[in-house]
Amino acid sequence: MKIDVISIFPEYLAPLQLSLLGKAQNSGLLEINVHNLRDHATGAHGSVDDTPYGGGAGMVMSAQVWSEAIDAILTPDSDLIILTPAGKKFAQPIAHELSRAQHLIFACGRYEGIDDRVRQYYSKPEFTEKNIRVHEYSIGDYVLGGGEVASMVMIETITRLIPGVLGNPESLSEESHISEGYLEYPNFTKPANWRGIEVPEVLLSGNHAAIAEWRATQAEERAKKNR
């Protein structure tokens, strides 16, 4: 999978080179490129935004600047993801769908967001005919300073579902959100007694059927409590 991220703060995306993502890139499973939107800025001051039509507080990011940045990396069979608090809420089923994509482009907006004509333009039939899809996503019902953190959340969620990225694929089989409403059971490791708190006895029993039953019950109770 190829991933491109466009931002006015490319240094914000440095963690994309760490841990599993870094290993996946080194092994050739992933290619992640970060692009500076200001490379396409205009004017003596390198402006990427302007005042909003209709008035109001804040600044809106320029459609022209964004289009030049996107055009430089856009290919057929790409998914253009615009991060916005007004987007569809990102969830695990969407991550599974996007994990099968060939090319993801993340547009990290800031200020009052990206001129909506960017979304409209790349949604035209001339792009859909090339399997170029446009999505607007939010990672939750709150507002961040920009799309960079949201893009990293999505990238980590999506890429860990790609075969070979996780060292042990069995890690995916019982974790939270493998199905709607499912939350993983509590986990414990050594020592068996820590600060007076004991590991549940059933987990020390070696009885796999009893352990499976306990875990299923705990997962159900956790889902009822937290969801």
C-alpha atoms as a PDB file:
ATOM      1  CA  MET A   1       0.000   0.000   0.000  1.00  0.00           C
ATOM      2  CA  LYS A   2       1.115   3.535  -0.772  1.00  0.00           C
ATOM      3  CA  ILE A   3       0.148   6.366   1.577  1.00  0.00           C
ATOM      4  CA  ASP A   4       0.658  10.086   0.968  1.00  0.00           C
ATOM      5  CA  VAL A   5      -0.026  12.695   3.638  1.00  0.00           C
ATOM      6  CA  ILE A   6      -0.256  16.417   2.860  1.00  0.00           C
ATOM      7  CA  SER A   7       0.172  18.929   5.682  1.00  0.00           C
ATOM      8  CA  ILE A   8       1.515  22.395   6.428  1.00  0.00           C
ATOM      9  CA  PHE A   9       3.363  20.778   9.344  1.00  0.00           C
ATOM     10  CA  PRO A  10       5.131  17.731   7.855  1.00  0.00           C
ATOM     11  CA  GLU A  11       7.297  17.376  10.973  1.00  0.00           C
ATOM     12  CA  TYR A  12       4.091  16.555  12.863  1.00  0.00           C
ATOM     13  CA  LEU A  13       4.006  13.228  11.010  1.00  0.00           C
ATOM     14  CA  ALA A  14       7.432  11.980  12.183  1.00  0.00           C
ATOM     15  CA  PRO A  15       5.880   9.145  14.291  1.00  0.00           C
ATOM     16  CA  LEU A  16       4.838   7.446  11.043  1.00  0.00           C
ATOM     17  CA  GLN A  17       8.436   6.187  10.832  1.00  0.00           C
ATOM     18  CA  LEU A  18       8.337   4.458  14.231  1.00  0.00           C
ATOM     19  CA  SER A  19       7.425   1.009  15.570  1.00  0.00           C
ATOM     20  CA  LEU A  20       5.310  -1.295  13.379  1.00  0.00           C
ATOM     21  CA  LEU A  21       4.831   1.366  10.709  1.00  0.00           C
ATOM     22  CA  GLY A  22       8.577   1.851  10.398  1.00  0.00           C
ATOM     23  CA  LYS A  23       9.183  -1.899  10.192  1.00  0.00           C
ATOM     24  CA  ALA A  24       6.455  -2.313   7.571  1.00  0.00           C
ATOM     25  CA  GLN A  25       8.072   0.382   5.439  1.00  0.00           C
ATOM     26  CA  ASN A  26      11.515  -1.168   5.804  1.00  0.00           C
ATOM     27  CA  SER A  27      10.129  -4.549   4.725  1.00  0.00           C
ATOM     28  CA  GLY A  28       8.375  -3.088   1.679  1.00  0.00           C
ATOM     29  CA  LEU A  29       4.803  -3.666   2.865  1.00  0.00           C
ATOM     30  CA  LEU A  30       4.119   0.067   3.065  1.00  0.00           C
ATOM     31  CA  GLU A  31       5.300   3.240   1.412  1.00  0.00           C
ATOM     32  CA  ILE A  32       4.496   6.409   3.365  1.00  0.00           C
ATOM     33  CA  ASN A  33       5.355   9.851   2.002  1.00  0.00           C
ATOM     34  CA  VAL A  34       4.729  13.180   3.734  1.00  0.00           C
ATOM     35  CA  HIS A  35       4.353  16.333   1.616  1.00  0.00           C
ATOM     36  CA  ASN A  36       4.541  19.976   2.646  1.00  0.00           C
ATOM     37  CA  LEU A  37       1.501  21.882   1.390  1.00  0.00           C
ATOM     38  CA  ARG A  38       3.523  25.102   1.486  1.00  0.00           C
ATOM     39  CA  ASP A  39       5.605  23.818  -1.434  1.00  0.00           C
ATOM     40  CA  HIS A  40       2.573  24.803  -3.524  1.00  0.00           C
ATOM     41  CA  ALA A  41       1.849  28.088  -1.743  1.00  0.00           C
ATOM     42  CA  THR A  42       1.469  31.340  -3.643  1.00  0.00           C
ATOM     43  CA  GLY A  43       2.626  34.905  -3.127  1.00  0.00           C
ATOM     44  CA  ALA A  44       5.621  36.388  -1.385  1.00  0.00           C
ATOM     45  CA  HIS A  45       4.434  35.163   2.008  1.00  0.00           C
ATOM     46  CA  GLY A  46       3.688  31.584   0.948  1.00  0.00           C
ATOM     47  CA  SER A  47      -0.008  31.869   1.754  1.00  0.00           C
ATOM     48  CA  VAL A  48      -2.169  28.733   1.829  1.00  0.00           C
ATOM     49  CA  ASP A  49      -5.409  30.312   3.084  1.00  0.00           C
ATOM     50  CA  ASP A  50      -7.712  33.312   2.803  1.00  0.00           C
ATOM     51  CA  THR A  51     -10.783  34.847   4.426  1.00  0.00           C
ATOM     52  CA  PRO A  52     -14.102  32.978   4.071  1.00  0.00           C
ATOM     53  CA  TYR A  53     -16.814  34.080   1.663  1.00  0.00           C
ATOM     54  CA  GLY A  54     -19.894  35.085   3.636  1.00  0.00           C
ATOM     55  CA  GLY A  55     -17.815  36.343   6.542  1.00  0.00           C
ATOM     56  CA  GLY A  56     -17.032  34.678   9.817  1.00  0.00           C
ATOM     57  CA  ALA A  57     -14.047  33.946  12.006  1.00  0.00           C
ATOM     58  CA  GLY A  58     -10.940  32.111  10.887  1.00  0.00           C
ATOM     59  CA  MET A  59      -9.356  31.352   7.538  1.00  0.00           C
ATOM     60  CA  VAL A  60     -10.172  28.811   4.827  1.00  0.00           C
ATOM     61  CA  MET A  61      -7.477  26.819   3.047  1.00  0.00           C
ATOM     62  CA  SER A  62      -7.126  27.573  -0.659  1.00  0.00           C
ATOM     63  CA  ALA A  63      -8.608  25.185  -3.233  1.00  0.00           C
ATOM     64  CA  GLN A  64      -5.894  26.089  -5.741  1.00  0.00           C
ATOM     65  CA  VAL A  65      -3.030  25.302  -3.372  1.00  0.00           C
ATOM     66  CA  TRP A  66      -4.612  22.020  -2.350  1.00  0.00           C
ATOM     67  CA  SER A  67      -5.369  20.994  -5.929  1.00  0.00           C
ATOM     68  CA  GLU A  68      -1.753  21.507  -6.959  1.00  0.00           C
ATOM     69  CA  ALA A  69      -0.543  19.387  -4.047  1.00  0.00           C
ATOM     70  CA  ILE A  70      -3.062  16.630  -4.790  1.00  0.00           C
ATOM     71  CA  ASP A  71      -2.493  16.665  -8.556  1.00  0.00           C
ATOM     72  CA  ALA A  72       1.225  16.093  -7.996  1.00  0.00           C
ATOM     73  CA  ILE A  73       0.599  12.697  -6.356  1.00  0.00           C
ATOM     74  CA  LEU A  74      -2.849  11.581  -7.548  1.00  0.00           C
ATOM     75  CA  THR A  75      -3.010   8.305  -9.473  1.00  0.00           C
ATOM     76  CA  PRO A  76      -5.861   6.106 -10.718  1.00  0.00           C
ATOM     77  CA  ASP A  77      -7.342   3.846  -8.030  1.00  0.00           C
ATOM     78  CA  SER A  78      -6.706   6.316  -5.203  1.00  0.00           C
ATOM     79  CA  ASP A  79      -8.731   7.197  -2.117  1.00  0.00           C
ATOM     80  CA  LEU A  80      -8.554  10.881  -1.199  1.00  0.00           C
ATOM     81  CA  ILE A  81      -9.343  11.301   2.499  1.00  0.00           C
ATOM     82  CA  ILE A  82     -10.195  14.782   3.739  1.00  0.00           C
ATOM     83  CA  LEU A  83      -9.968  15.033   7.525  1.00  0.00           C
ATOM     84  CA  THR A  84     -12.732  17.217   8.956  1.00  0.00           C
ATOM     85  CA  PRO A  85     -14.843  17.289  12.151  1.00  0.00           C
ATOM     86  CA  ALA A  86     -17.871  17.364   9.820  1.00  0.00           C
ATOM     87  CA  GLY A  87     -16.938  14.049   8.193  1.00  0.00           C
ATOM     88  CA  LYS A  88     -18.310  10.552   8.636  1.00  0.00           C
ATOM     89  CA  LYS A  89     -17.143   9.005  11.897  1.00  0.00           C
ATOM     90  CA  PHE A  90     -14.221   6.637  11.311  1.00  0.00           C
ATOM     91  CA  ALA A  91     -14.681   3.128  12.711  1.00  0.00           C
ATOM     92  CA  GLN A  92     -13.199  -0.359  12.438  1.00  0.00           C
ATOM     93  CA  PRO A  93     -15.350  -1.516   9.469  1.00  0.00           C
ATOM     94  CA  ILE A  94     -14.096   1.493   7.482  1.00  0.00           C
ATOM     95  CA  ALA A  95     -10.530   0.609   8.461  1.00  0.00           C
ATOM     96  CA  HIS A  96     -11.020  -2.916   7.095  1.00  0.00           C
ATOM     97  CA  GLU A  97     -12.349  -1.522   3.828  1.00  0.00           C
ATOM     98  CA  LEU A  98      -9.500   0.965   3.418  1.00  0.00           C
ATOM     99  CA  SER A  99      -6.877  -1.657   4.315  1.00  0.00           C
ATOM    100  CA  ARG A 100      -7.565  -3.196   0.899  1.00  0.00           C
ATOM    101  CA  ALA A 101      -6.903   0.080  -0.955  1.00  0.00           C
ATOM    102  CA  GLN A 102      -3.911   0.612  -3.234  1.00  0.00           C
ATOM    103  CA  HIS A 103      -3.254   4.290  -2.568  1.00  0.00           C
ATOM    104  CA  LEU A 104      -4.462   6.540   0.255  1.00  0.00           C
ATOM    105  CA  ILE A 105      -4.026  10.319   0.218  1.00  0.00           C
ATOM    106  CA  PHE A 106      -4.674  12.144   3.496  1.00  0.00           C
ATOM    107  CA  ALA A 107      -5.461  15.864   3.259  1.00  0.00           C
ATOM    108  CA  CYS A 108      -4.766  17.402   6.671  1.00  0.00           C
ATOM    109  CA  GLY A 109      -6.737  20.612   6.838  1.00  0.00           C
ATOM    110  CA  ARG A 110      -6.372  23.342   9.446  1.00  0.00           C
ATOM    111  CA  TYR A 111      -8.066  26.598  10.452  1.00  0.00           C
ATOM    112  CA  GLU A 112     -11.690  26.535   9.218  1.00  0.00           C
ATOM    113  CA  GLY A 113     -10.914  23.659   6.885  1.00  0.00           C
ATOM    114  CA  ILE A 114     -10.321  23.190   3.163  1.00  0.00           C
ATOM    115  CA  ASP A 115     -12.377  25.038   0.541  1.00  0.00           C
ATOM    116  CA  ASP A 116     -15.234  22.605  -0.199  1.00  0.00           C
ATOM    117  CA  ARG A 117     -14.642  22.910  -3.921  1.00  0.00           C
ATOM    118  CA  VAL A 118     -11.700  20.530  -3.497  1.00  0.00           C
ATOM    119  CA  ARG A 119     -14.122  17.795  -2.444  1.00  0.00           C
ATOM    120  CA  GLN A 120     -16.523  18.729  -5.234  1.00  0.00           C
ATOM    121  CA  TYR A 121     -13.842  18.817  -7.922  1.00  0.00           C
ATOM    122  CA  TYR A 122     -12.318  15.405  -7.199  1.00  0.00           C
ATOM    123  CA  SER A 123     -15.799  13.869  -6.952  1.00  0.00           C
ATOM    124  CA  LYS A 124     -16.480  14.640 -10.629  1.00  0.00           C
ATOM    125  CA  PRO A 125     -17.168  11.732 -13.028  1.00  0.00           C
ATOM    126  CA  GLU A 126     -13.813  12.223 -14.748  1.00  0.00           C
ATOM    127  CA  PHE A 127     -12.164  11.112 -11.494  1.00  0.00           C
ATOM    128  CA  THR A 128     -14.655   8.439 -10.428  1.00  0.00           C
ATOM    129  CA  GLU A 129     -14.133   6.807 -13.834  1.00  0.00           C
ATOM    130  CA  LYS A 130     -10.487   6.366 -12.805  1.00  0.00           C
ATOM    131  CA  ASN A 131     -11.533   4.777  -9.486  1.00  0.00           C
ATOM    132  CA  ILE A 132     -10.601   7.905  -7.565  1.00  0.00           C
ATOM    133  CA  ARG A 133     -12.806   8.136  -4.502  1.00  0.00           C
ATOM    134  CA  VAL A 134     -13.239  11.069  -2.113  1.00  0.00           C
ATOM    135  CA  HIS A 135     -14.051  10.583   1.573  1.00  0.00           C
ATOM    136  CA  GLU A 136     -14.572  13.000   4.452  1.00  0.00           C
ATOM    137  CA  TYR A 137     -13.760  11.423   7.812  1.00  0.00           C
ATOM    138  CA  SER A 138     -13.714  12.462  11.451  1.00  0.00           C
ATOM    139  CA  ILE A 139     -12.199  10.378  14.255  1.00  0.00           C
ATOM    140  CA  GLY A 140     -14.763  11.555  16.811  1.00  0.00           C
ATOM    141  CA  ASP A 141     -17.214  14.196  17.900  1.00  0.00           C
ATOM    142  CA  TYR A 142     -14.638  16.760  18.972  1.00  0.00           C
ATOM    143  CA  VAL A 143     -12.390  19.297  17.243  1.00  0.00           C
ATOM    144  CA  LEU A 144      -8.609  19.049  16.854  1.00  0.00           C
ATOM    145  CA  GLY A 145      -6.208  21.765  15.766  1.00  0.00           C
ATOM    146  CA  GLY A 146      -5.743  20.030  12.420  1.00  0.00           C
ATOM    147  CA  GLY A 147      -5.927  16.761  10.540  1.00  0.00           C
ATOM    148  CA  GLU A 148      -2.431  15.492  11.344  1.00  0.00           C
ATOM    149  CA  VAL A 149      -3.307  13.587  14.523  1.00  0.00           C
ATOM    150  CA  ALA A 150      -6.461  12.227  12.899  1.00  0.00           C
ATOM    151  CA  SER A 151      -4.476  11.007   9.894  1.00  0.00           C
ATOM    152  CA  MET A 152      -2.022   9.160  12.147  1.00  0.00           C
ATOM    153  CA  VAL A 153      -4.883   7.514  14.036  1.00  0.00           C
ATOM    154  CA  MET A 154      -6.415   6.335  10.778  1.00  0.00           C
ATOM    155  CA  ILE A 155      -3.127   5.201   9.248  1.00  0.00           C
ATOM    156  CA  GLU A 156      -2.186   3.089  12.263  1.00  0.00           C
ATOM    157  CA  THR A 157      -5.681   1.584  12.471  1.00  0.00           C
ATOM    158  CA  ILE A 158      -5.771   0.765   8.754  1.00  0.00           C
ATOM    159  CA  THR A 159      -2.245  -0.513   8.213  1.00  0.00           C
ATOM    160  CA  ARG A 160      -2.175  -2.951  11.142  1.00  0.00           C
ATOM    161  CA  LEU A 161      -4.902  -4.867   9.269  1.00  0.00           C
ATOM    162  CA  ILE A 162      -2.636  -5.429   6.251  1.00  0.00           C
ATOM    163  CA  PRO A 163      -1.277  -9.000   6.231  1.00  0.00           C
ATOM    164  CA  GLY A 164       2.307  -9.068   7.446  1.00  0.00           C
ATOM    165  CA  VAL A 165       2.289  -5.763   9.335  1.00  0.00           C
ATOM    166  CA  LEU A 166       1.609  -7.378  12.722  1.00  0.00           C
ATOM    167  CA  GLY A 167       4.185  -9.920  13.818  1.00  0.00           C
ATOM    168  CA  ASN A 168       1.455 -12.284  15.017  1.00  0.00           C
ATOM    169  CA  PRO A 169      -1.766 -12.102  12.957  1.00  0.00           C
ATOM    170  CA  GLU A 170      -3.585 -13.971  15.740  1.00  0.00           C
ATOM    171  CA  SER A 171      -3.452 -10.679  17.651  1.00  0.00           C
ATOM    172  CA  LEU A 172      -6.350  -9.491  15.482  1.00  0.00           C
ATOM    173  CA  SER A 173      -8.628 -12.437  16.198  1.00  0.00           C
ATOM    174  CA  GLU A 174      -9.915 -11.475  19.660  1.00  0.00           C
ATOM    175  CA  GLU A 175      -9.255  -7.760  20.012  1.00  0.00           C
ATOM    176  CA  SER A 176     -11.876  -5.072  20.561  1.00  0.00           C
ATOM    177  CA  HIS A 177     -14.148  -4.152  17.633  1.00  0.00           C
ATOM    178  CA  ILE A 178     -13.606  -7.381  15.653  1.00  0.00           C
ATOM    179  CA  SER A 179     -17.399  -7.315  15.483  1.00  0.00           C
ATOM    180  CA  GLU A 180     -19.918  -4.611  16.274  1.00  0.00           C
ATOM    181  CA  GLY A 181     -20.149  -4.000  20.008  1.00  0.00           C
ATOM    182  CA  TYR A 182     -17.367  -6.422  20.952  1.00  0.00           C
ATOM    183  CA  LEU A 183     -14.768  -5.247  23.487  1.00  0.00           C
ATOM    184  CA  GLU A 184     -11.816  -7.411  24.442  1.00  0.00           C
ATOM    185  CA  TYR A 185     -11.649  -9.082  27.852  1.00  0.00           C
ATOM    186  CA  PRO A 186      -9.127  -7.880  30.514  1.00  0.00           C
ATOM    187  CA  ASN A 187      -5.568  -9.199  30.198  1.00  0.00           C
ATOM    188  CA  PHE A 188      -2.935  -9.984  32.840  1.00  0.00           C
ATOM    189  CA  THR A 189       0.741 -10.983  32.972  1.00  0.00           C
ATOM    190  CA  LYS A 190       3.323 -11.921  35.627  1.00  0.00           C
ATOM    191  CA  PRO A 191       3.473 -11.710  38.605  1.00  0.00           C
ATOM    192  CA  ALA A 192       0.303 -13.517  39.683  1.00  0.00           C
ATOM    193  CA  ASN A 193       0.025 -11.221  42.716  1.00  0.00           C
ATOM    194  CA  TRP A 194       0.778  -7.532  42.250  1.00  0.00           C
ATOM    195  CA  ARG A 195       0.313  -5.131  45.161  1.00  0.00           C
ATOM    196  CA  GLY A 196      -2.189  -7.504  46.702  1.00  0.00           C
ATOM    197  CA  ILE A 197      -4.308  -7.905  43.561  1.00  0.00           C
ATOM    198  CA  GLU A 198      -4.527 -11.492  42.315  1.00  0.00           C
ATOM    199  CA  VAL A 199      -4.851 -12.638  38.720  1.00  0.00           C
ATOM    200  CA  PRO A 200      -8.241 -14.394  38.336  1.00  0.00           C
ATOM    201  CA  GLU A 201      -7.750 -18.005  39.388  1.00  0.00           C
ATOM    202  CA  VAL A 202      -9.327 -19.418  36.244  1.00  0.00           C
ATOM    203  CA  LEU A 203      -6.493 -17.978  34.128  1.00  0.00           C
ATOM    204  CA  LEU A 204      -3.991 -20.030  36.144  1.00  0.00           C
ATOM    205  CA  SER A 205      -6.009 -23.249  35.910  1.00  0.00           C
ATOM    206  CA  GLY A 206      -4.880 -24.477  32.499  1.00  0.00           C
ATOM    207  CA  ASN A 207      -8.527 -25.294  31.716  1.00  0.00           C
ATOM    208  CA  HIS A 208      -8.868 -23.794  28.238  1.00  0.00           C
ATOM    209  CA  ALA A 209     -12.633 -24.238  28.045  1.00  0.00           C
ATOM    210  CA  ALA A 210     -13.124 -22.476  31.375  1.00  0.00           C
ATOM    211  CA  ILE A 211     -10.734 -19.700  30.331  1.00  0.00           C
ATOM    212  CA  ALA A 212     -12.610 -19.180  27.057  1.00  0.00           C
ATOM    213  CA  GLU A 213     -15.920 -19.014  28.927  1.00  0.00           C
ATOM    214  CA  TRP A 214     -14.505 -16.523  31.463  1.00  0.00           C
ATOM    215  CA  ARG A 215     -13.116 -14.322  28.696  1.00  0.00           C
ATOM    216  CA  ALA A 216     -16.413 -14.337  26.801  1.00  0.00           C
ATOM    217  CA  THR A 217     -18.295 -13.338  29.947  1.00  0.00           C
ATOM    218  CA  GLN A 218     -15.813 -10.587  30.763  1.00  0.00           C
ATOM    219  CA  ALA A 219     -15.972  -9.217  27.218  1.00  0.00           C
ATOM    220  CA  GLU A 220     -19.763  -9.097  27.368  1.00  0.00           C
ATOM    221  CA  GLU A 221     -19.763  -7.355  30.755  1.00  0.00           C
ATOM    222  CA  ARG A 222     -17.166  -4.834  29.605  1.00  0.00           C
ATOM    223  CA  ALA A 223     -19.246  -4.008  26.520  1.00  0.00           C
ATOM    224  CA  LYS A 224     -22.370  -3.480  28.639  1.00  0.00           C
ATOM    225  CA  LYS A 225     -20.459  -1.198  30.998  1.00  0.00           C
ATOM    226  CA  ASN A 226     -18.530   0.875  28.450  1.00  0.00           C
ATOM    227  CA  ARG A 227     -20.864   0.949  25.461  1.00  0.00           C
END
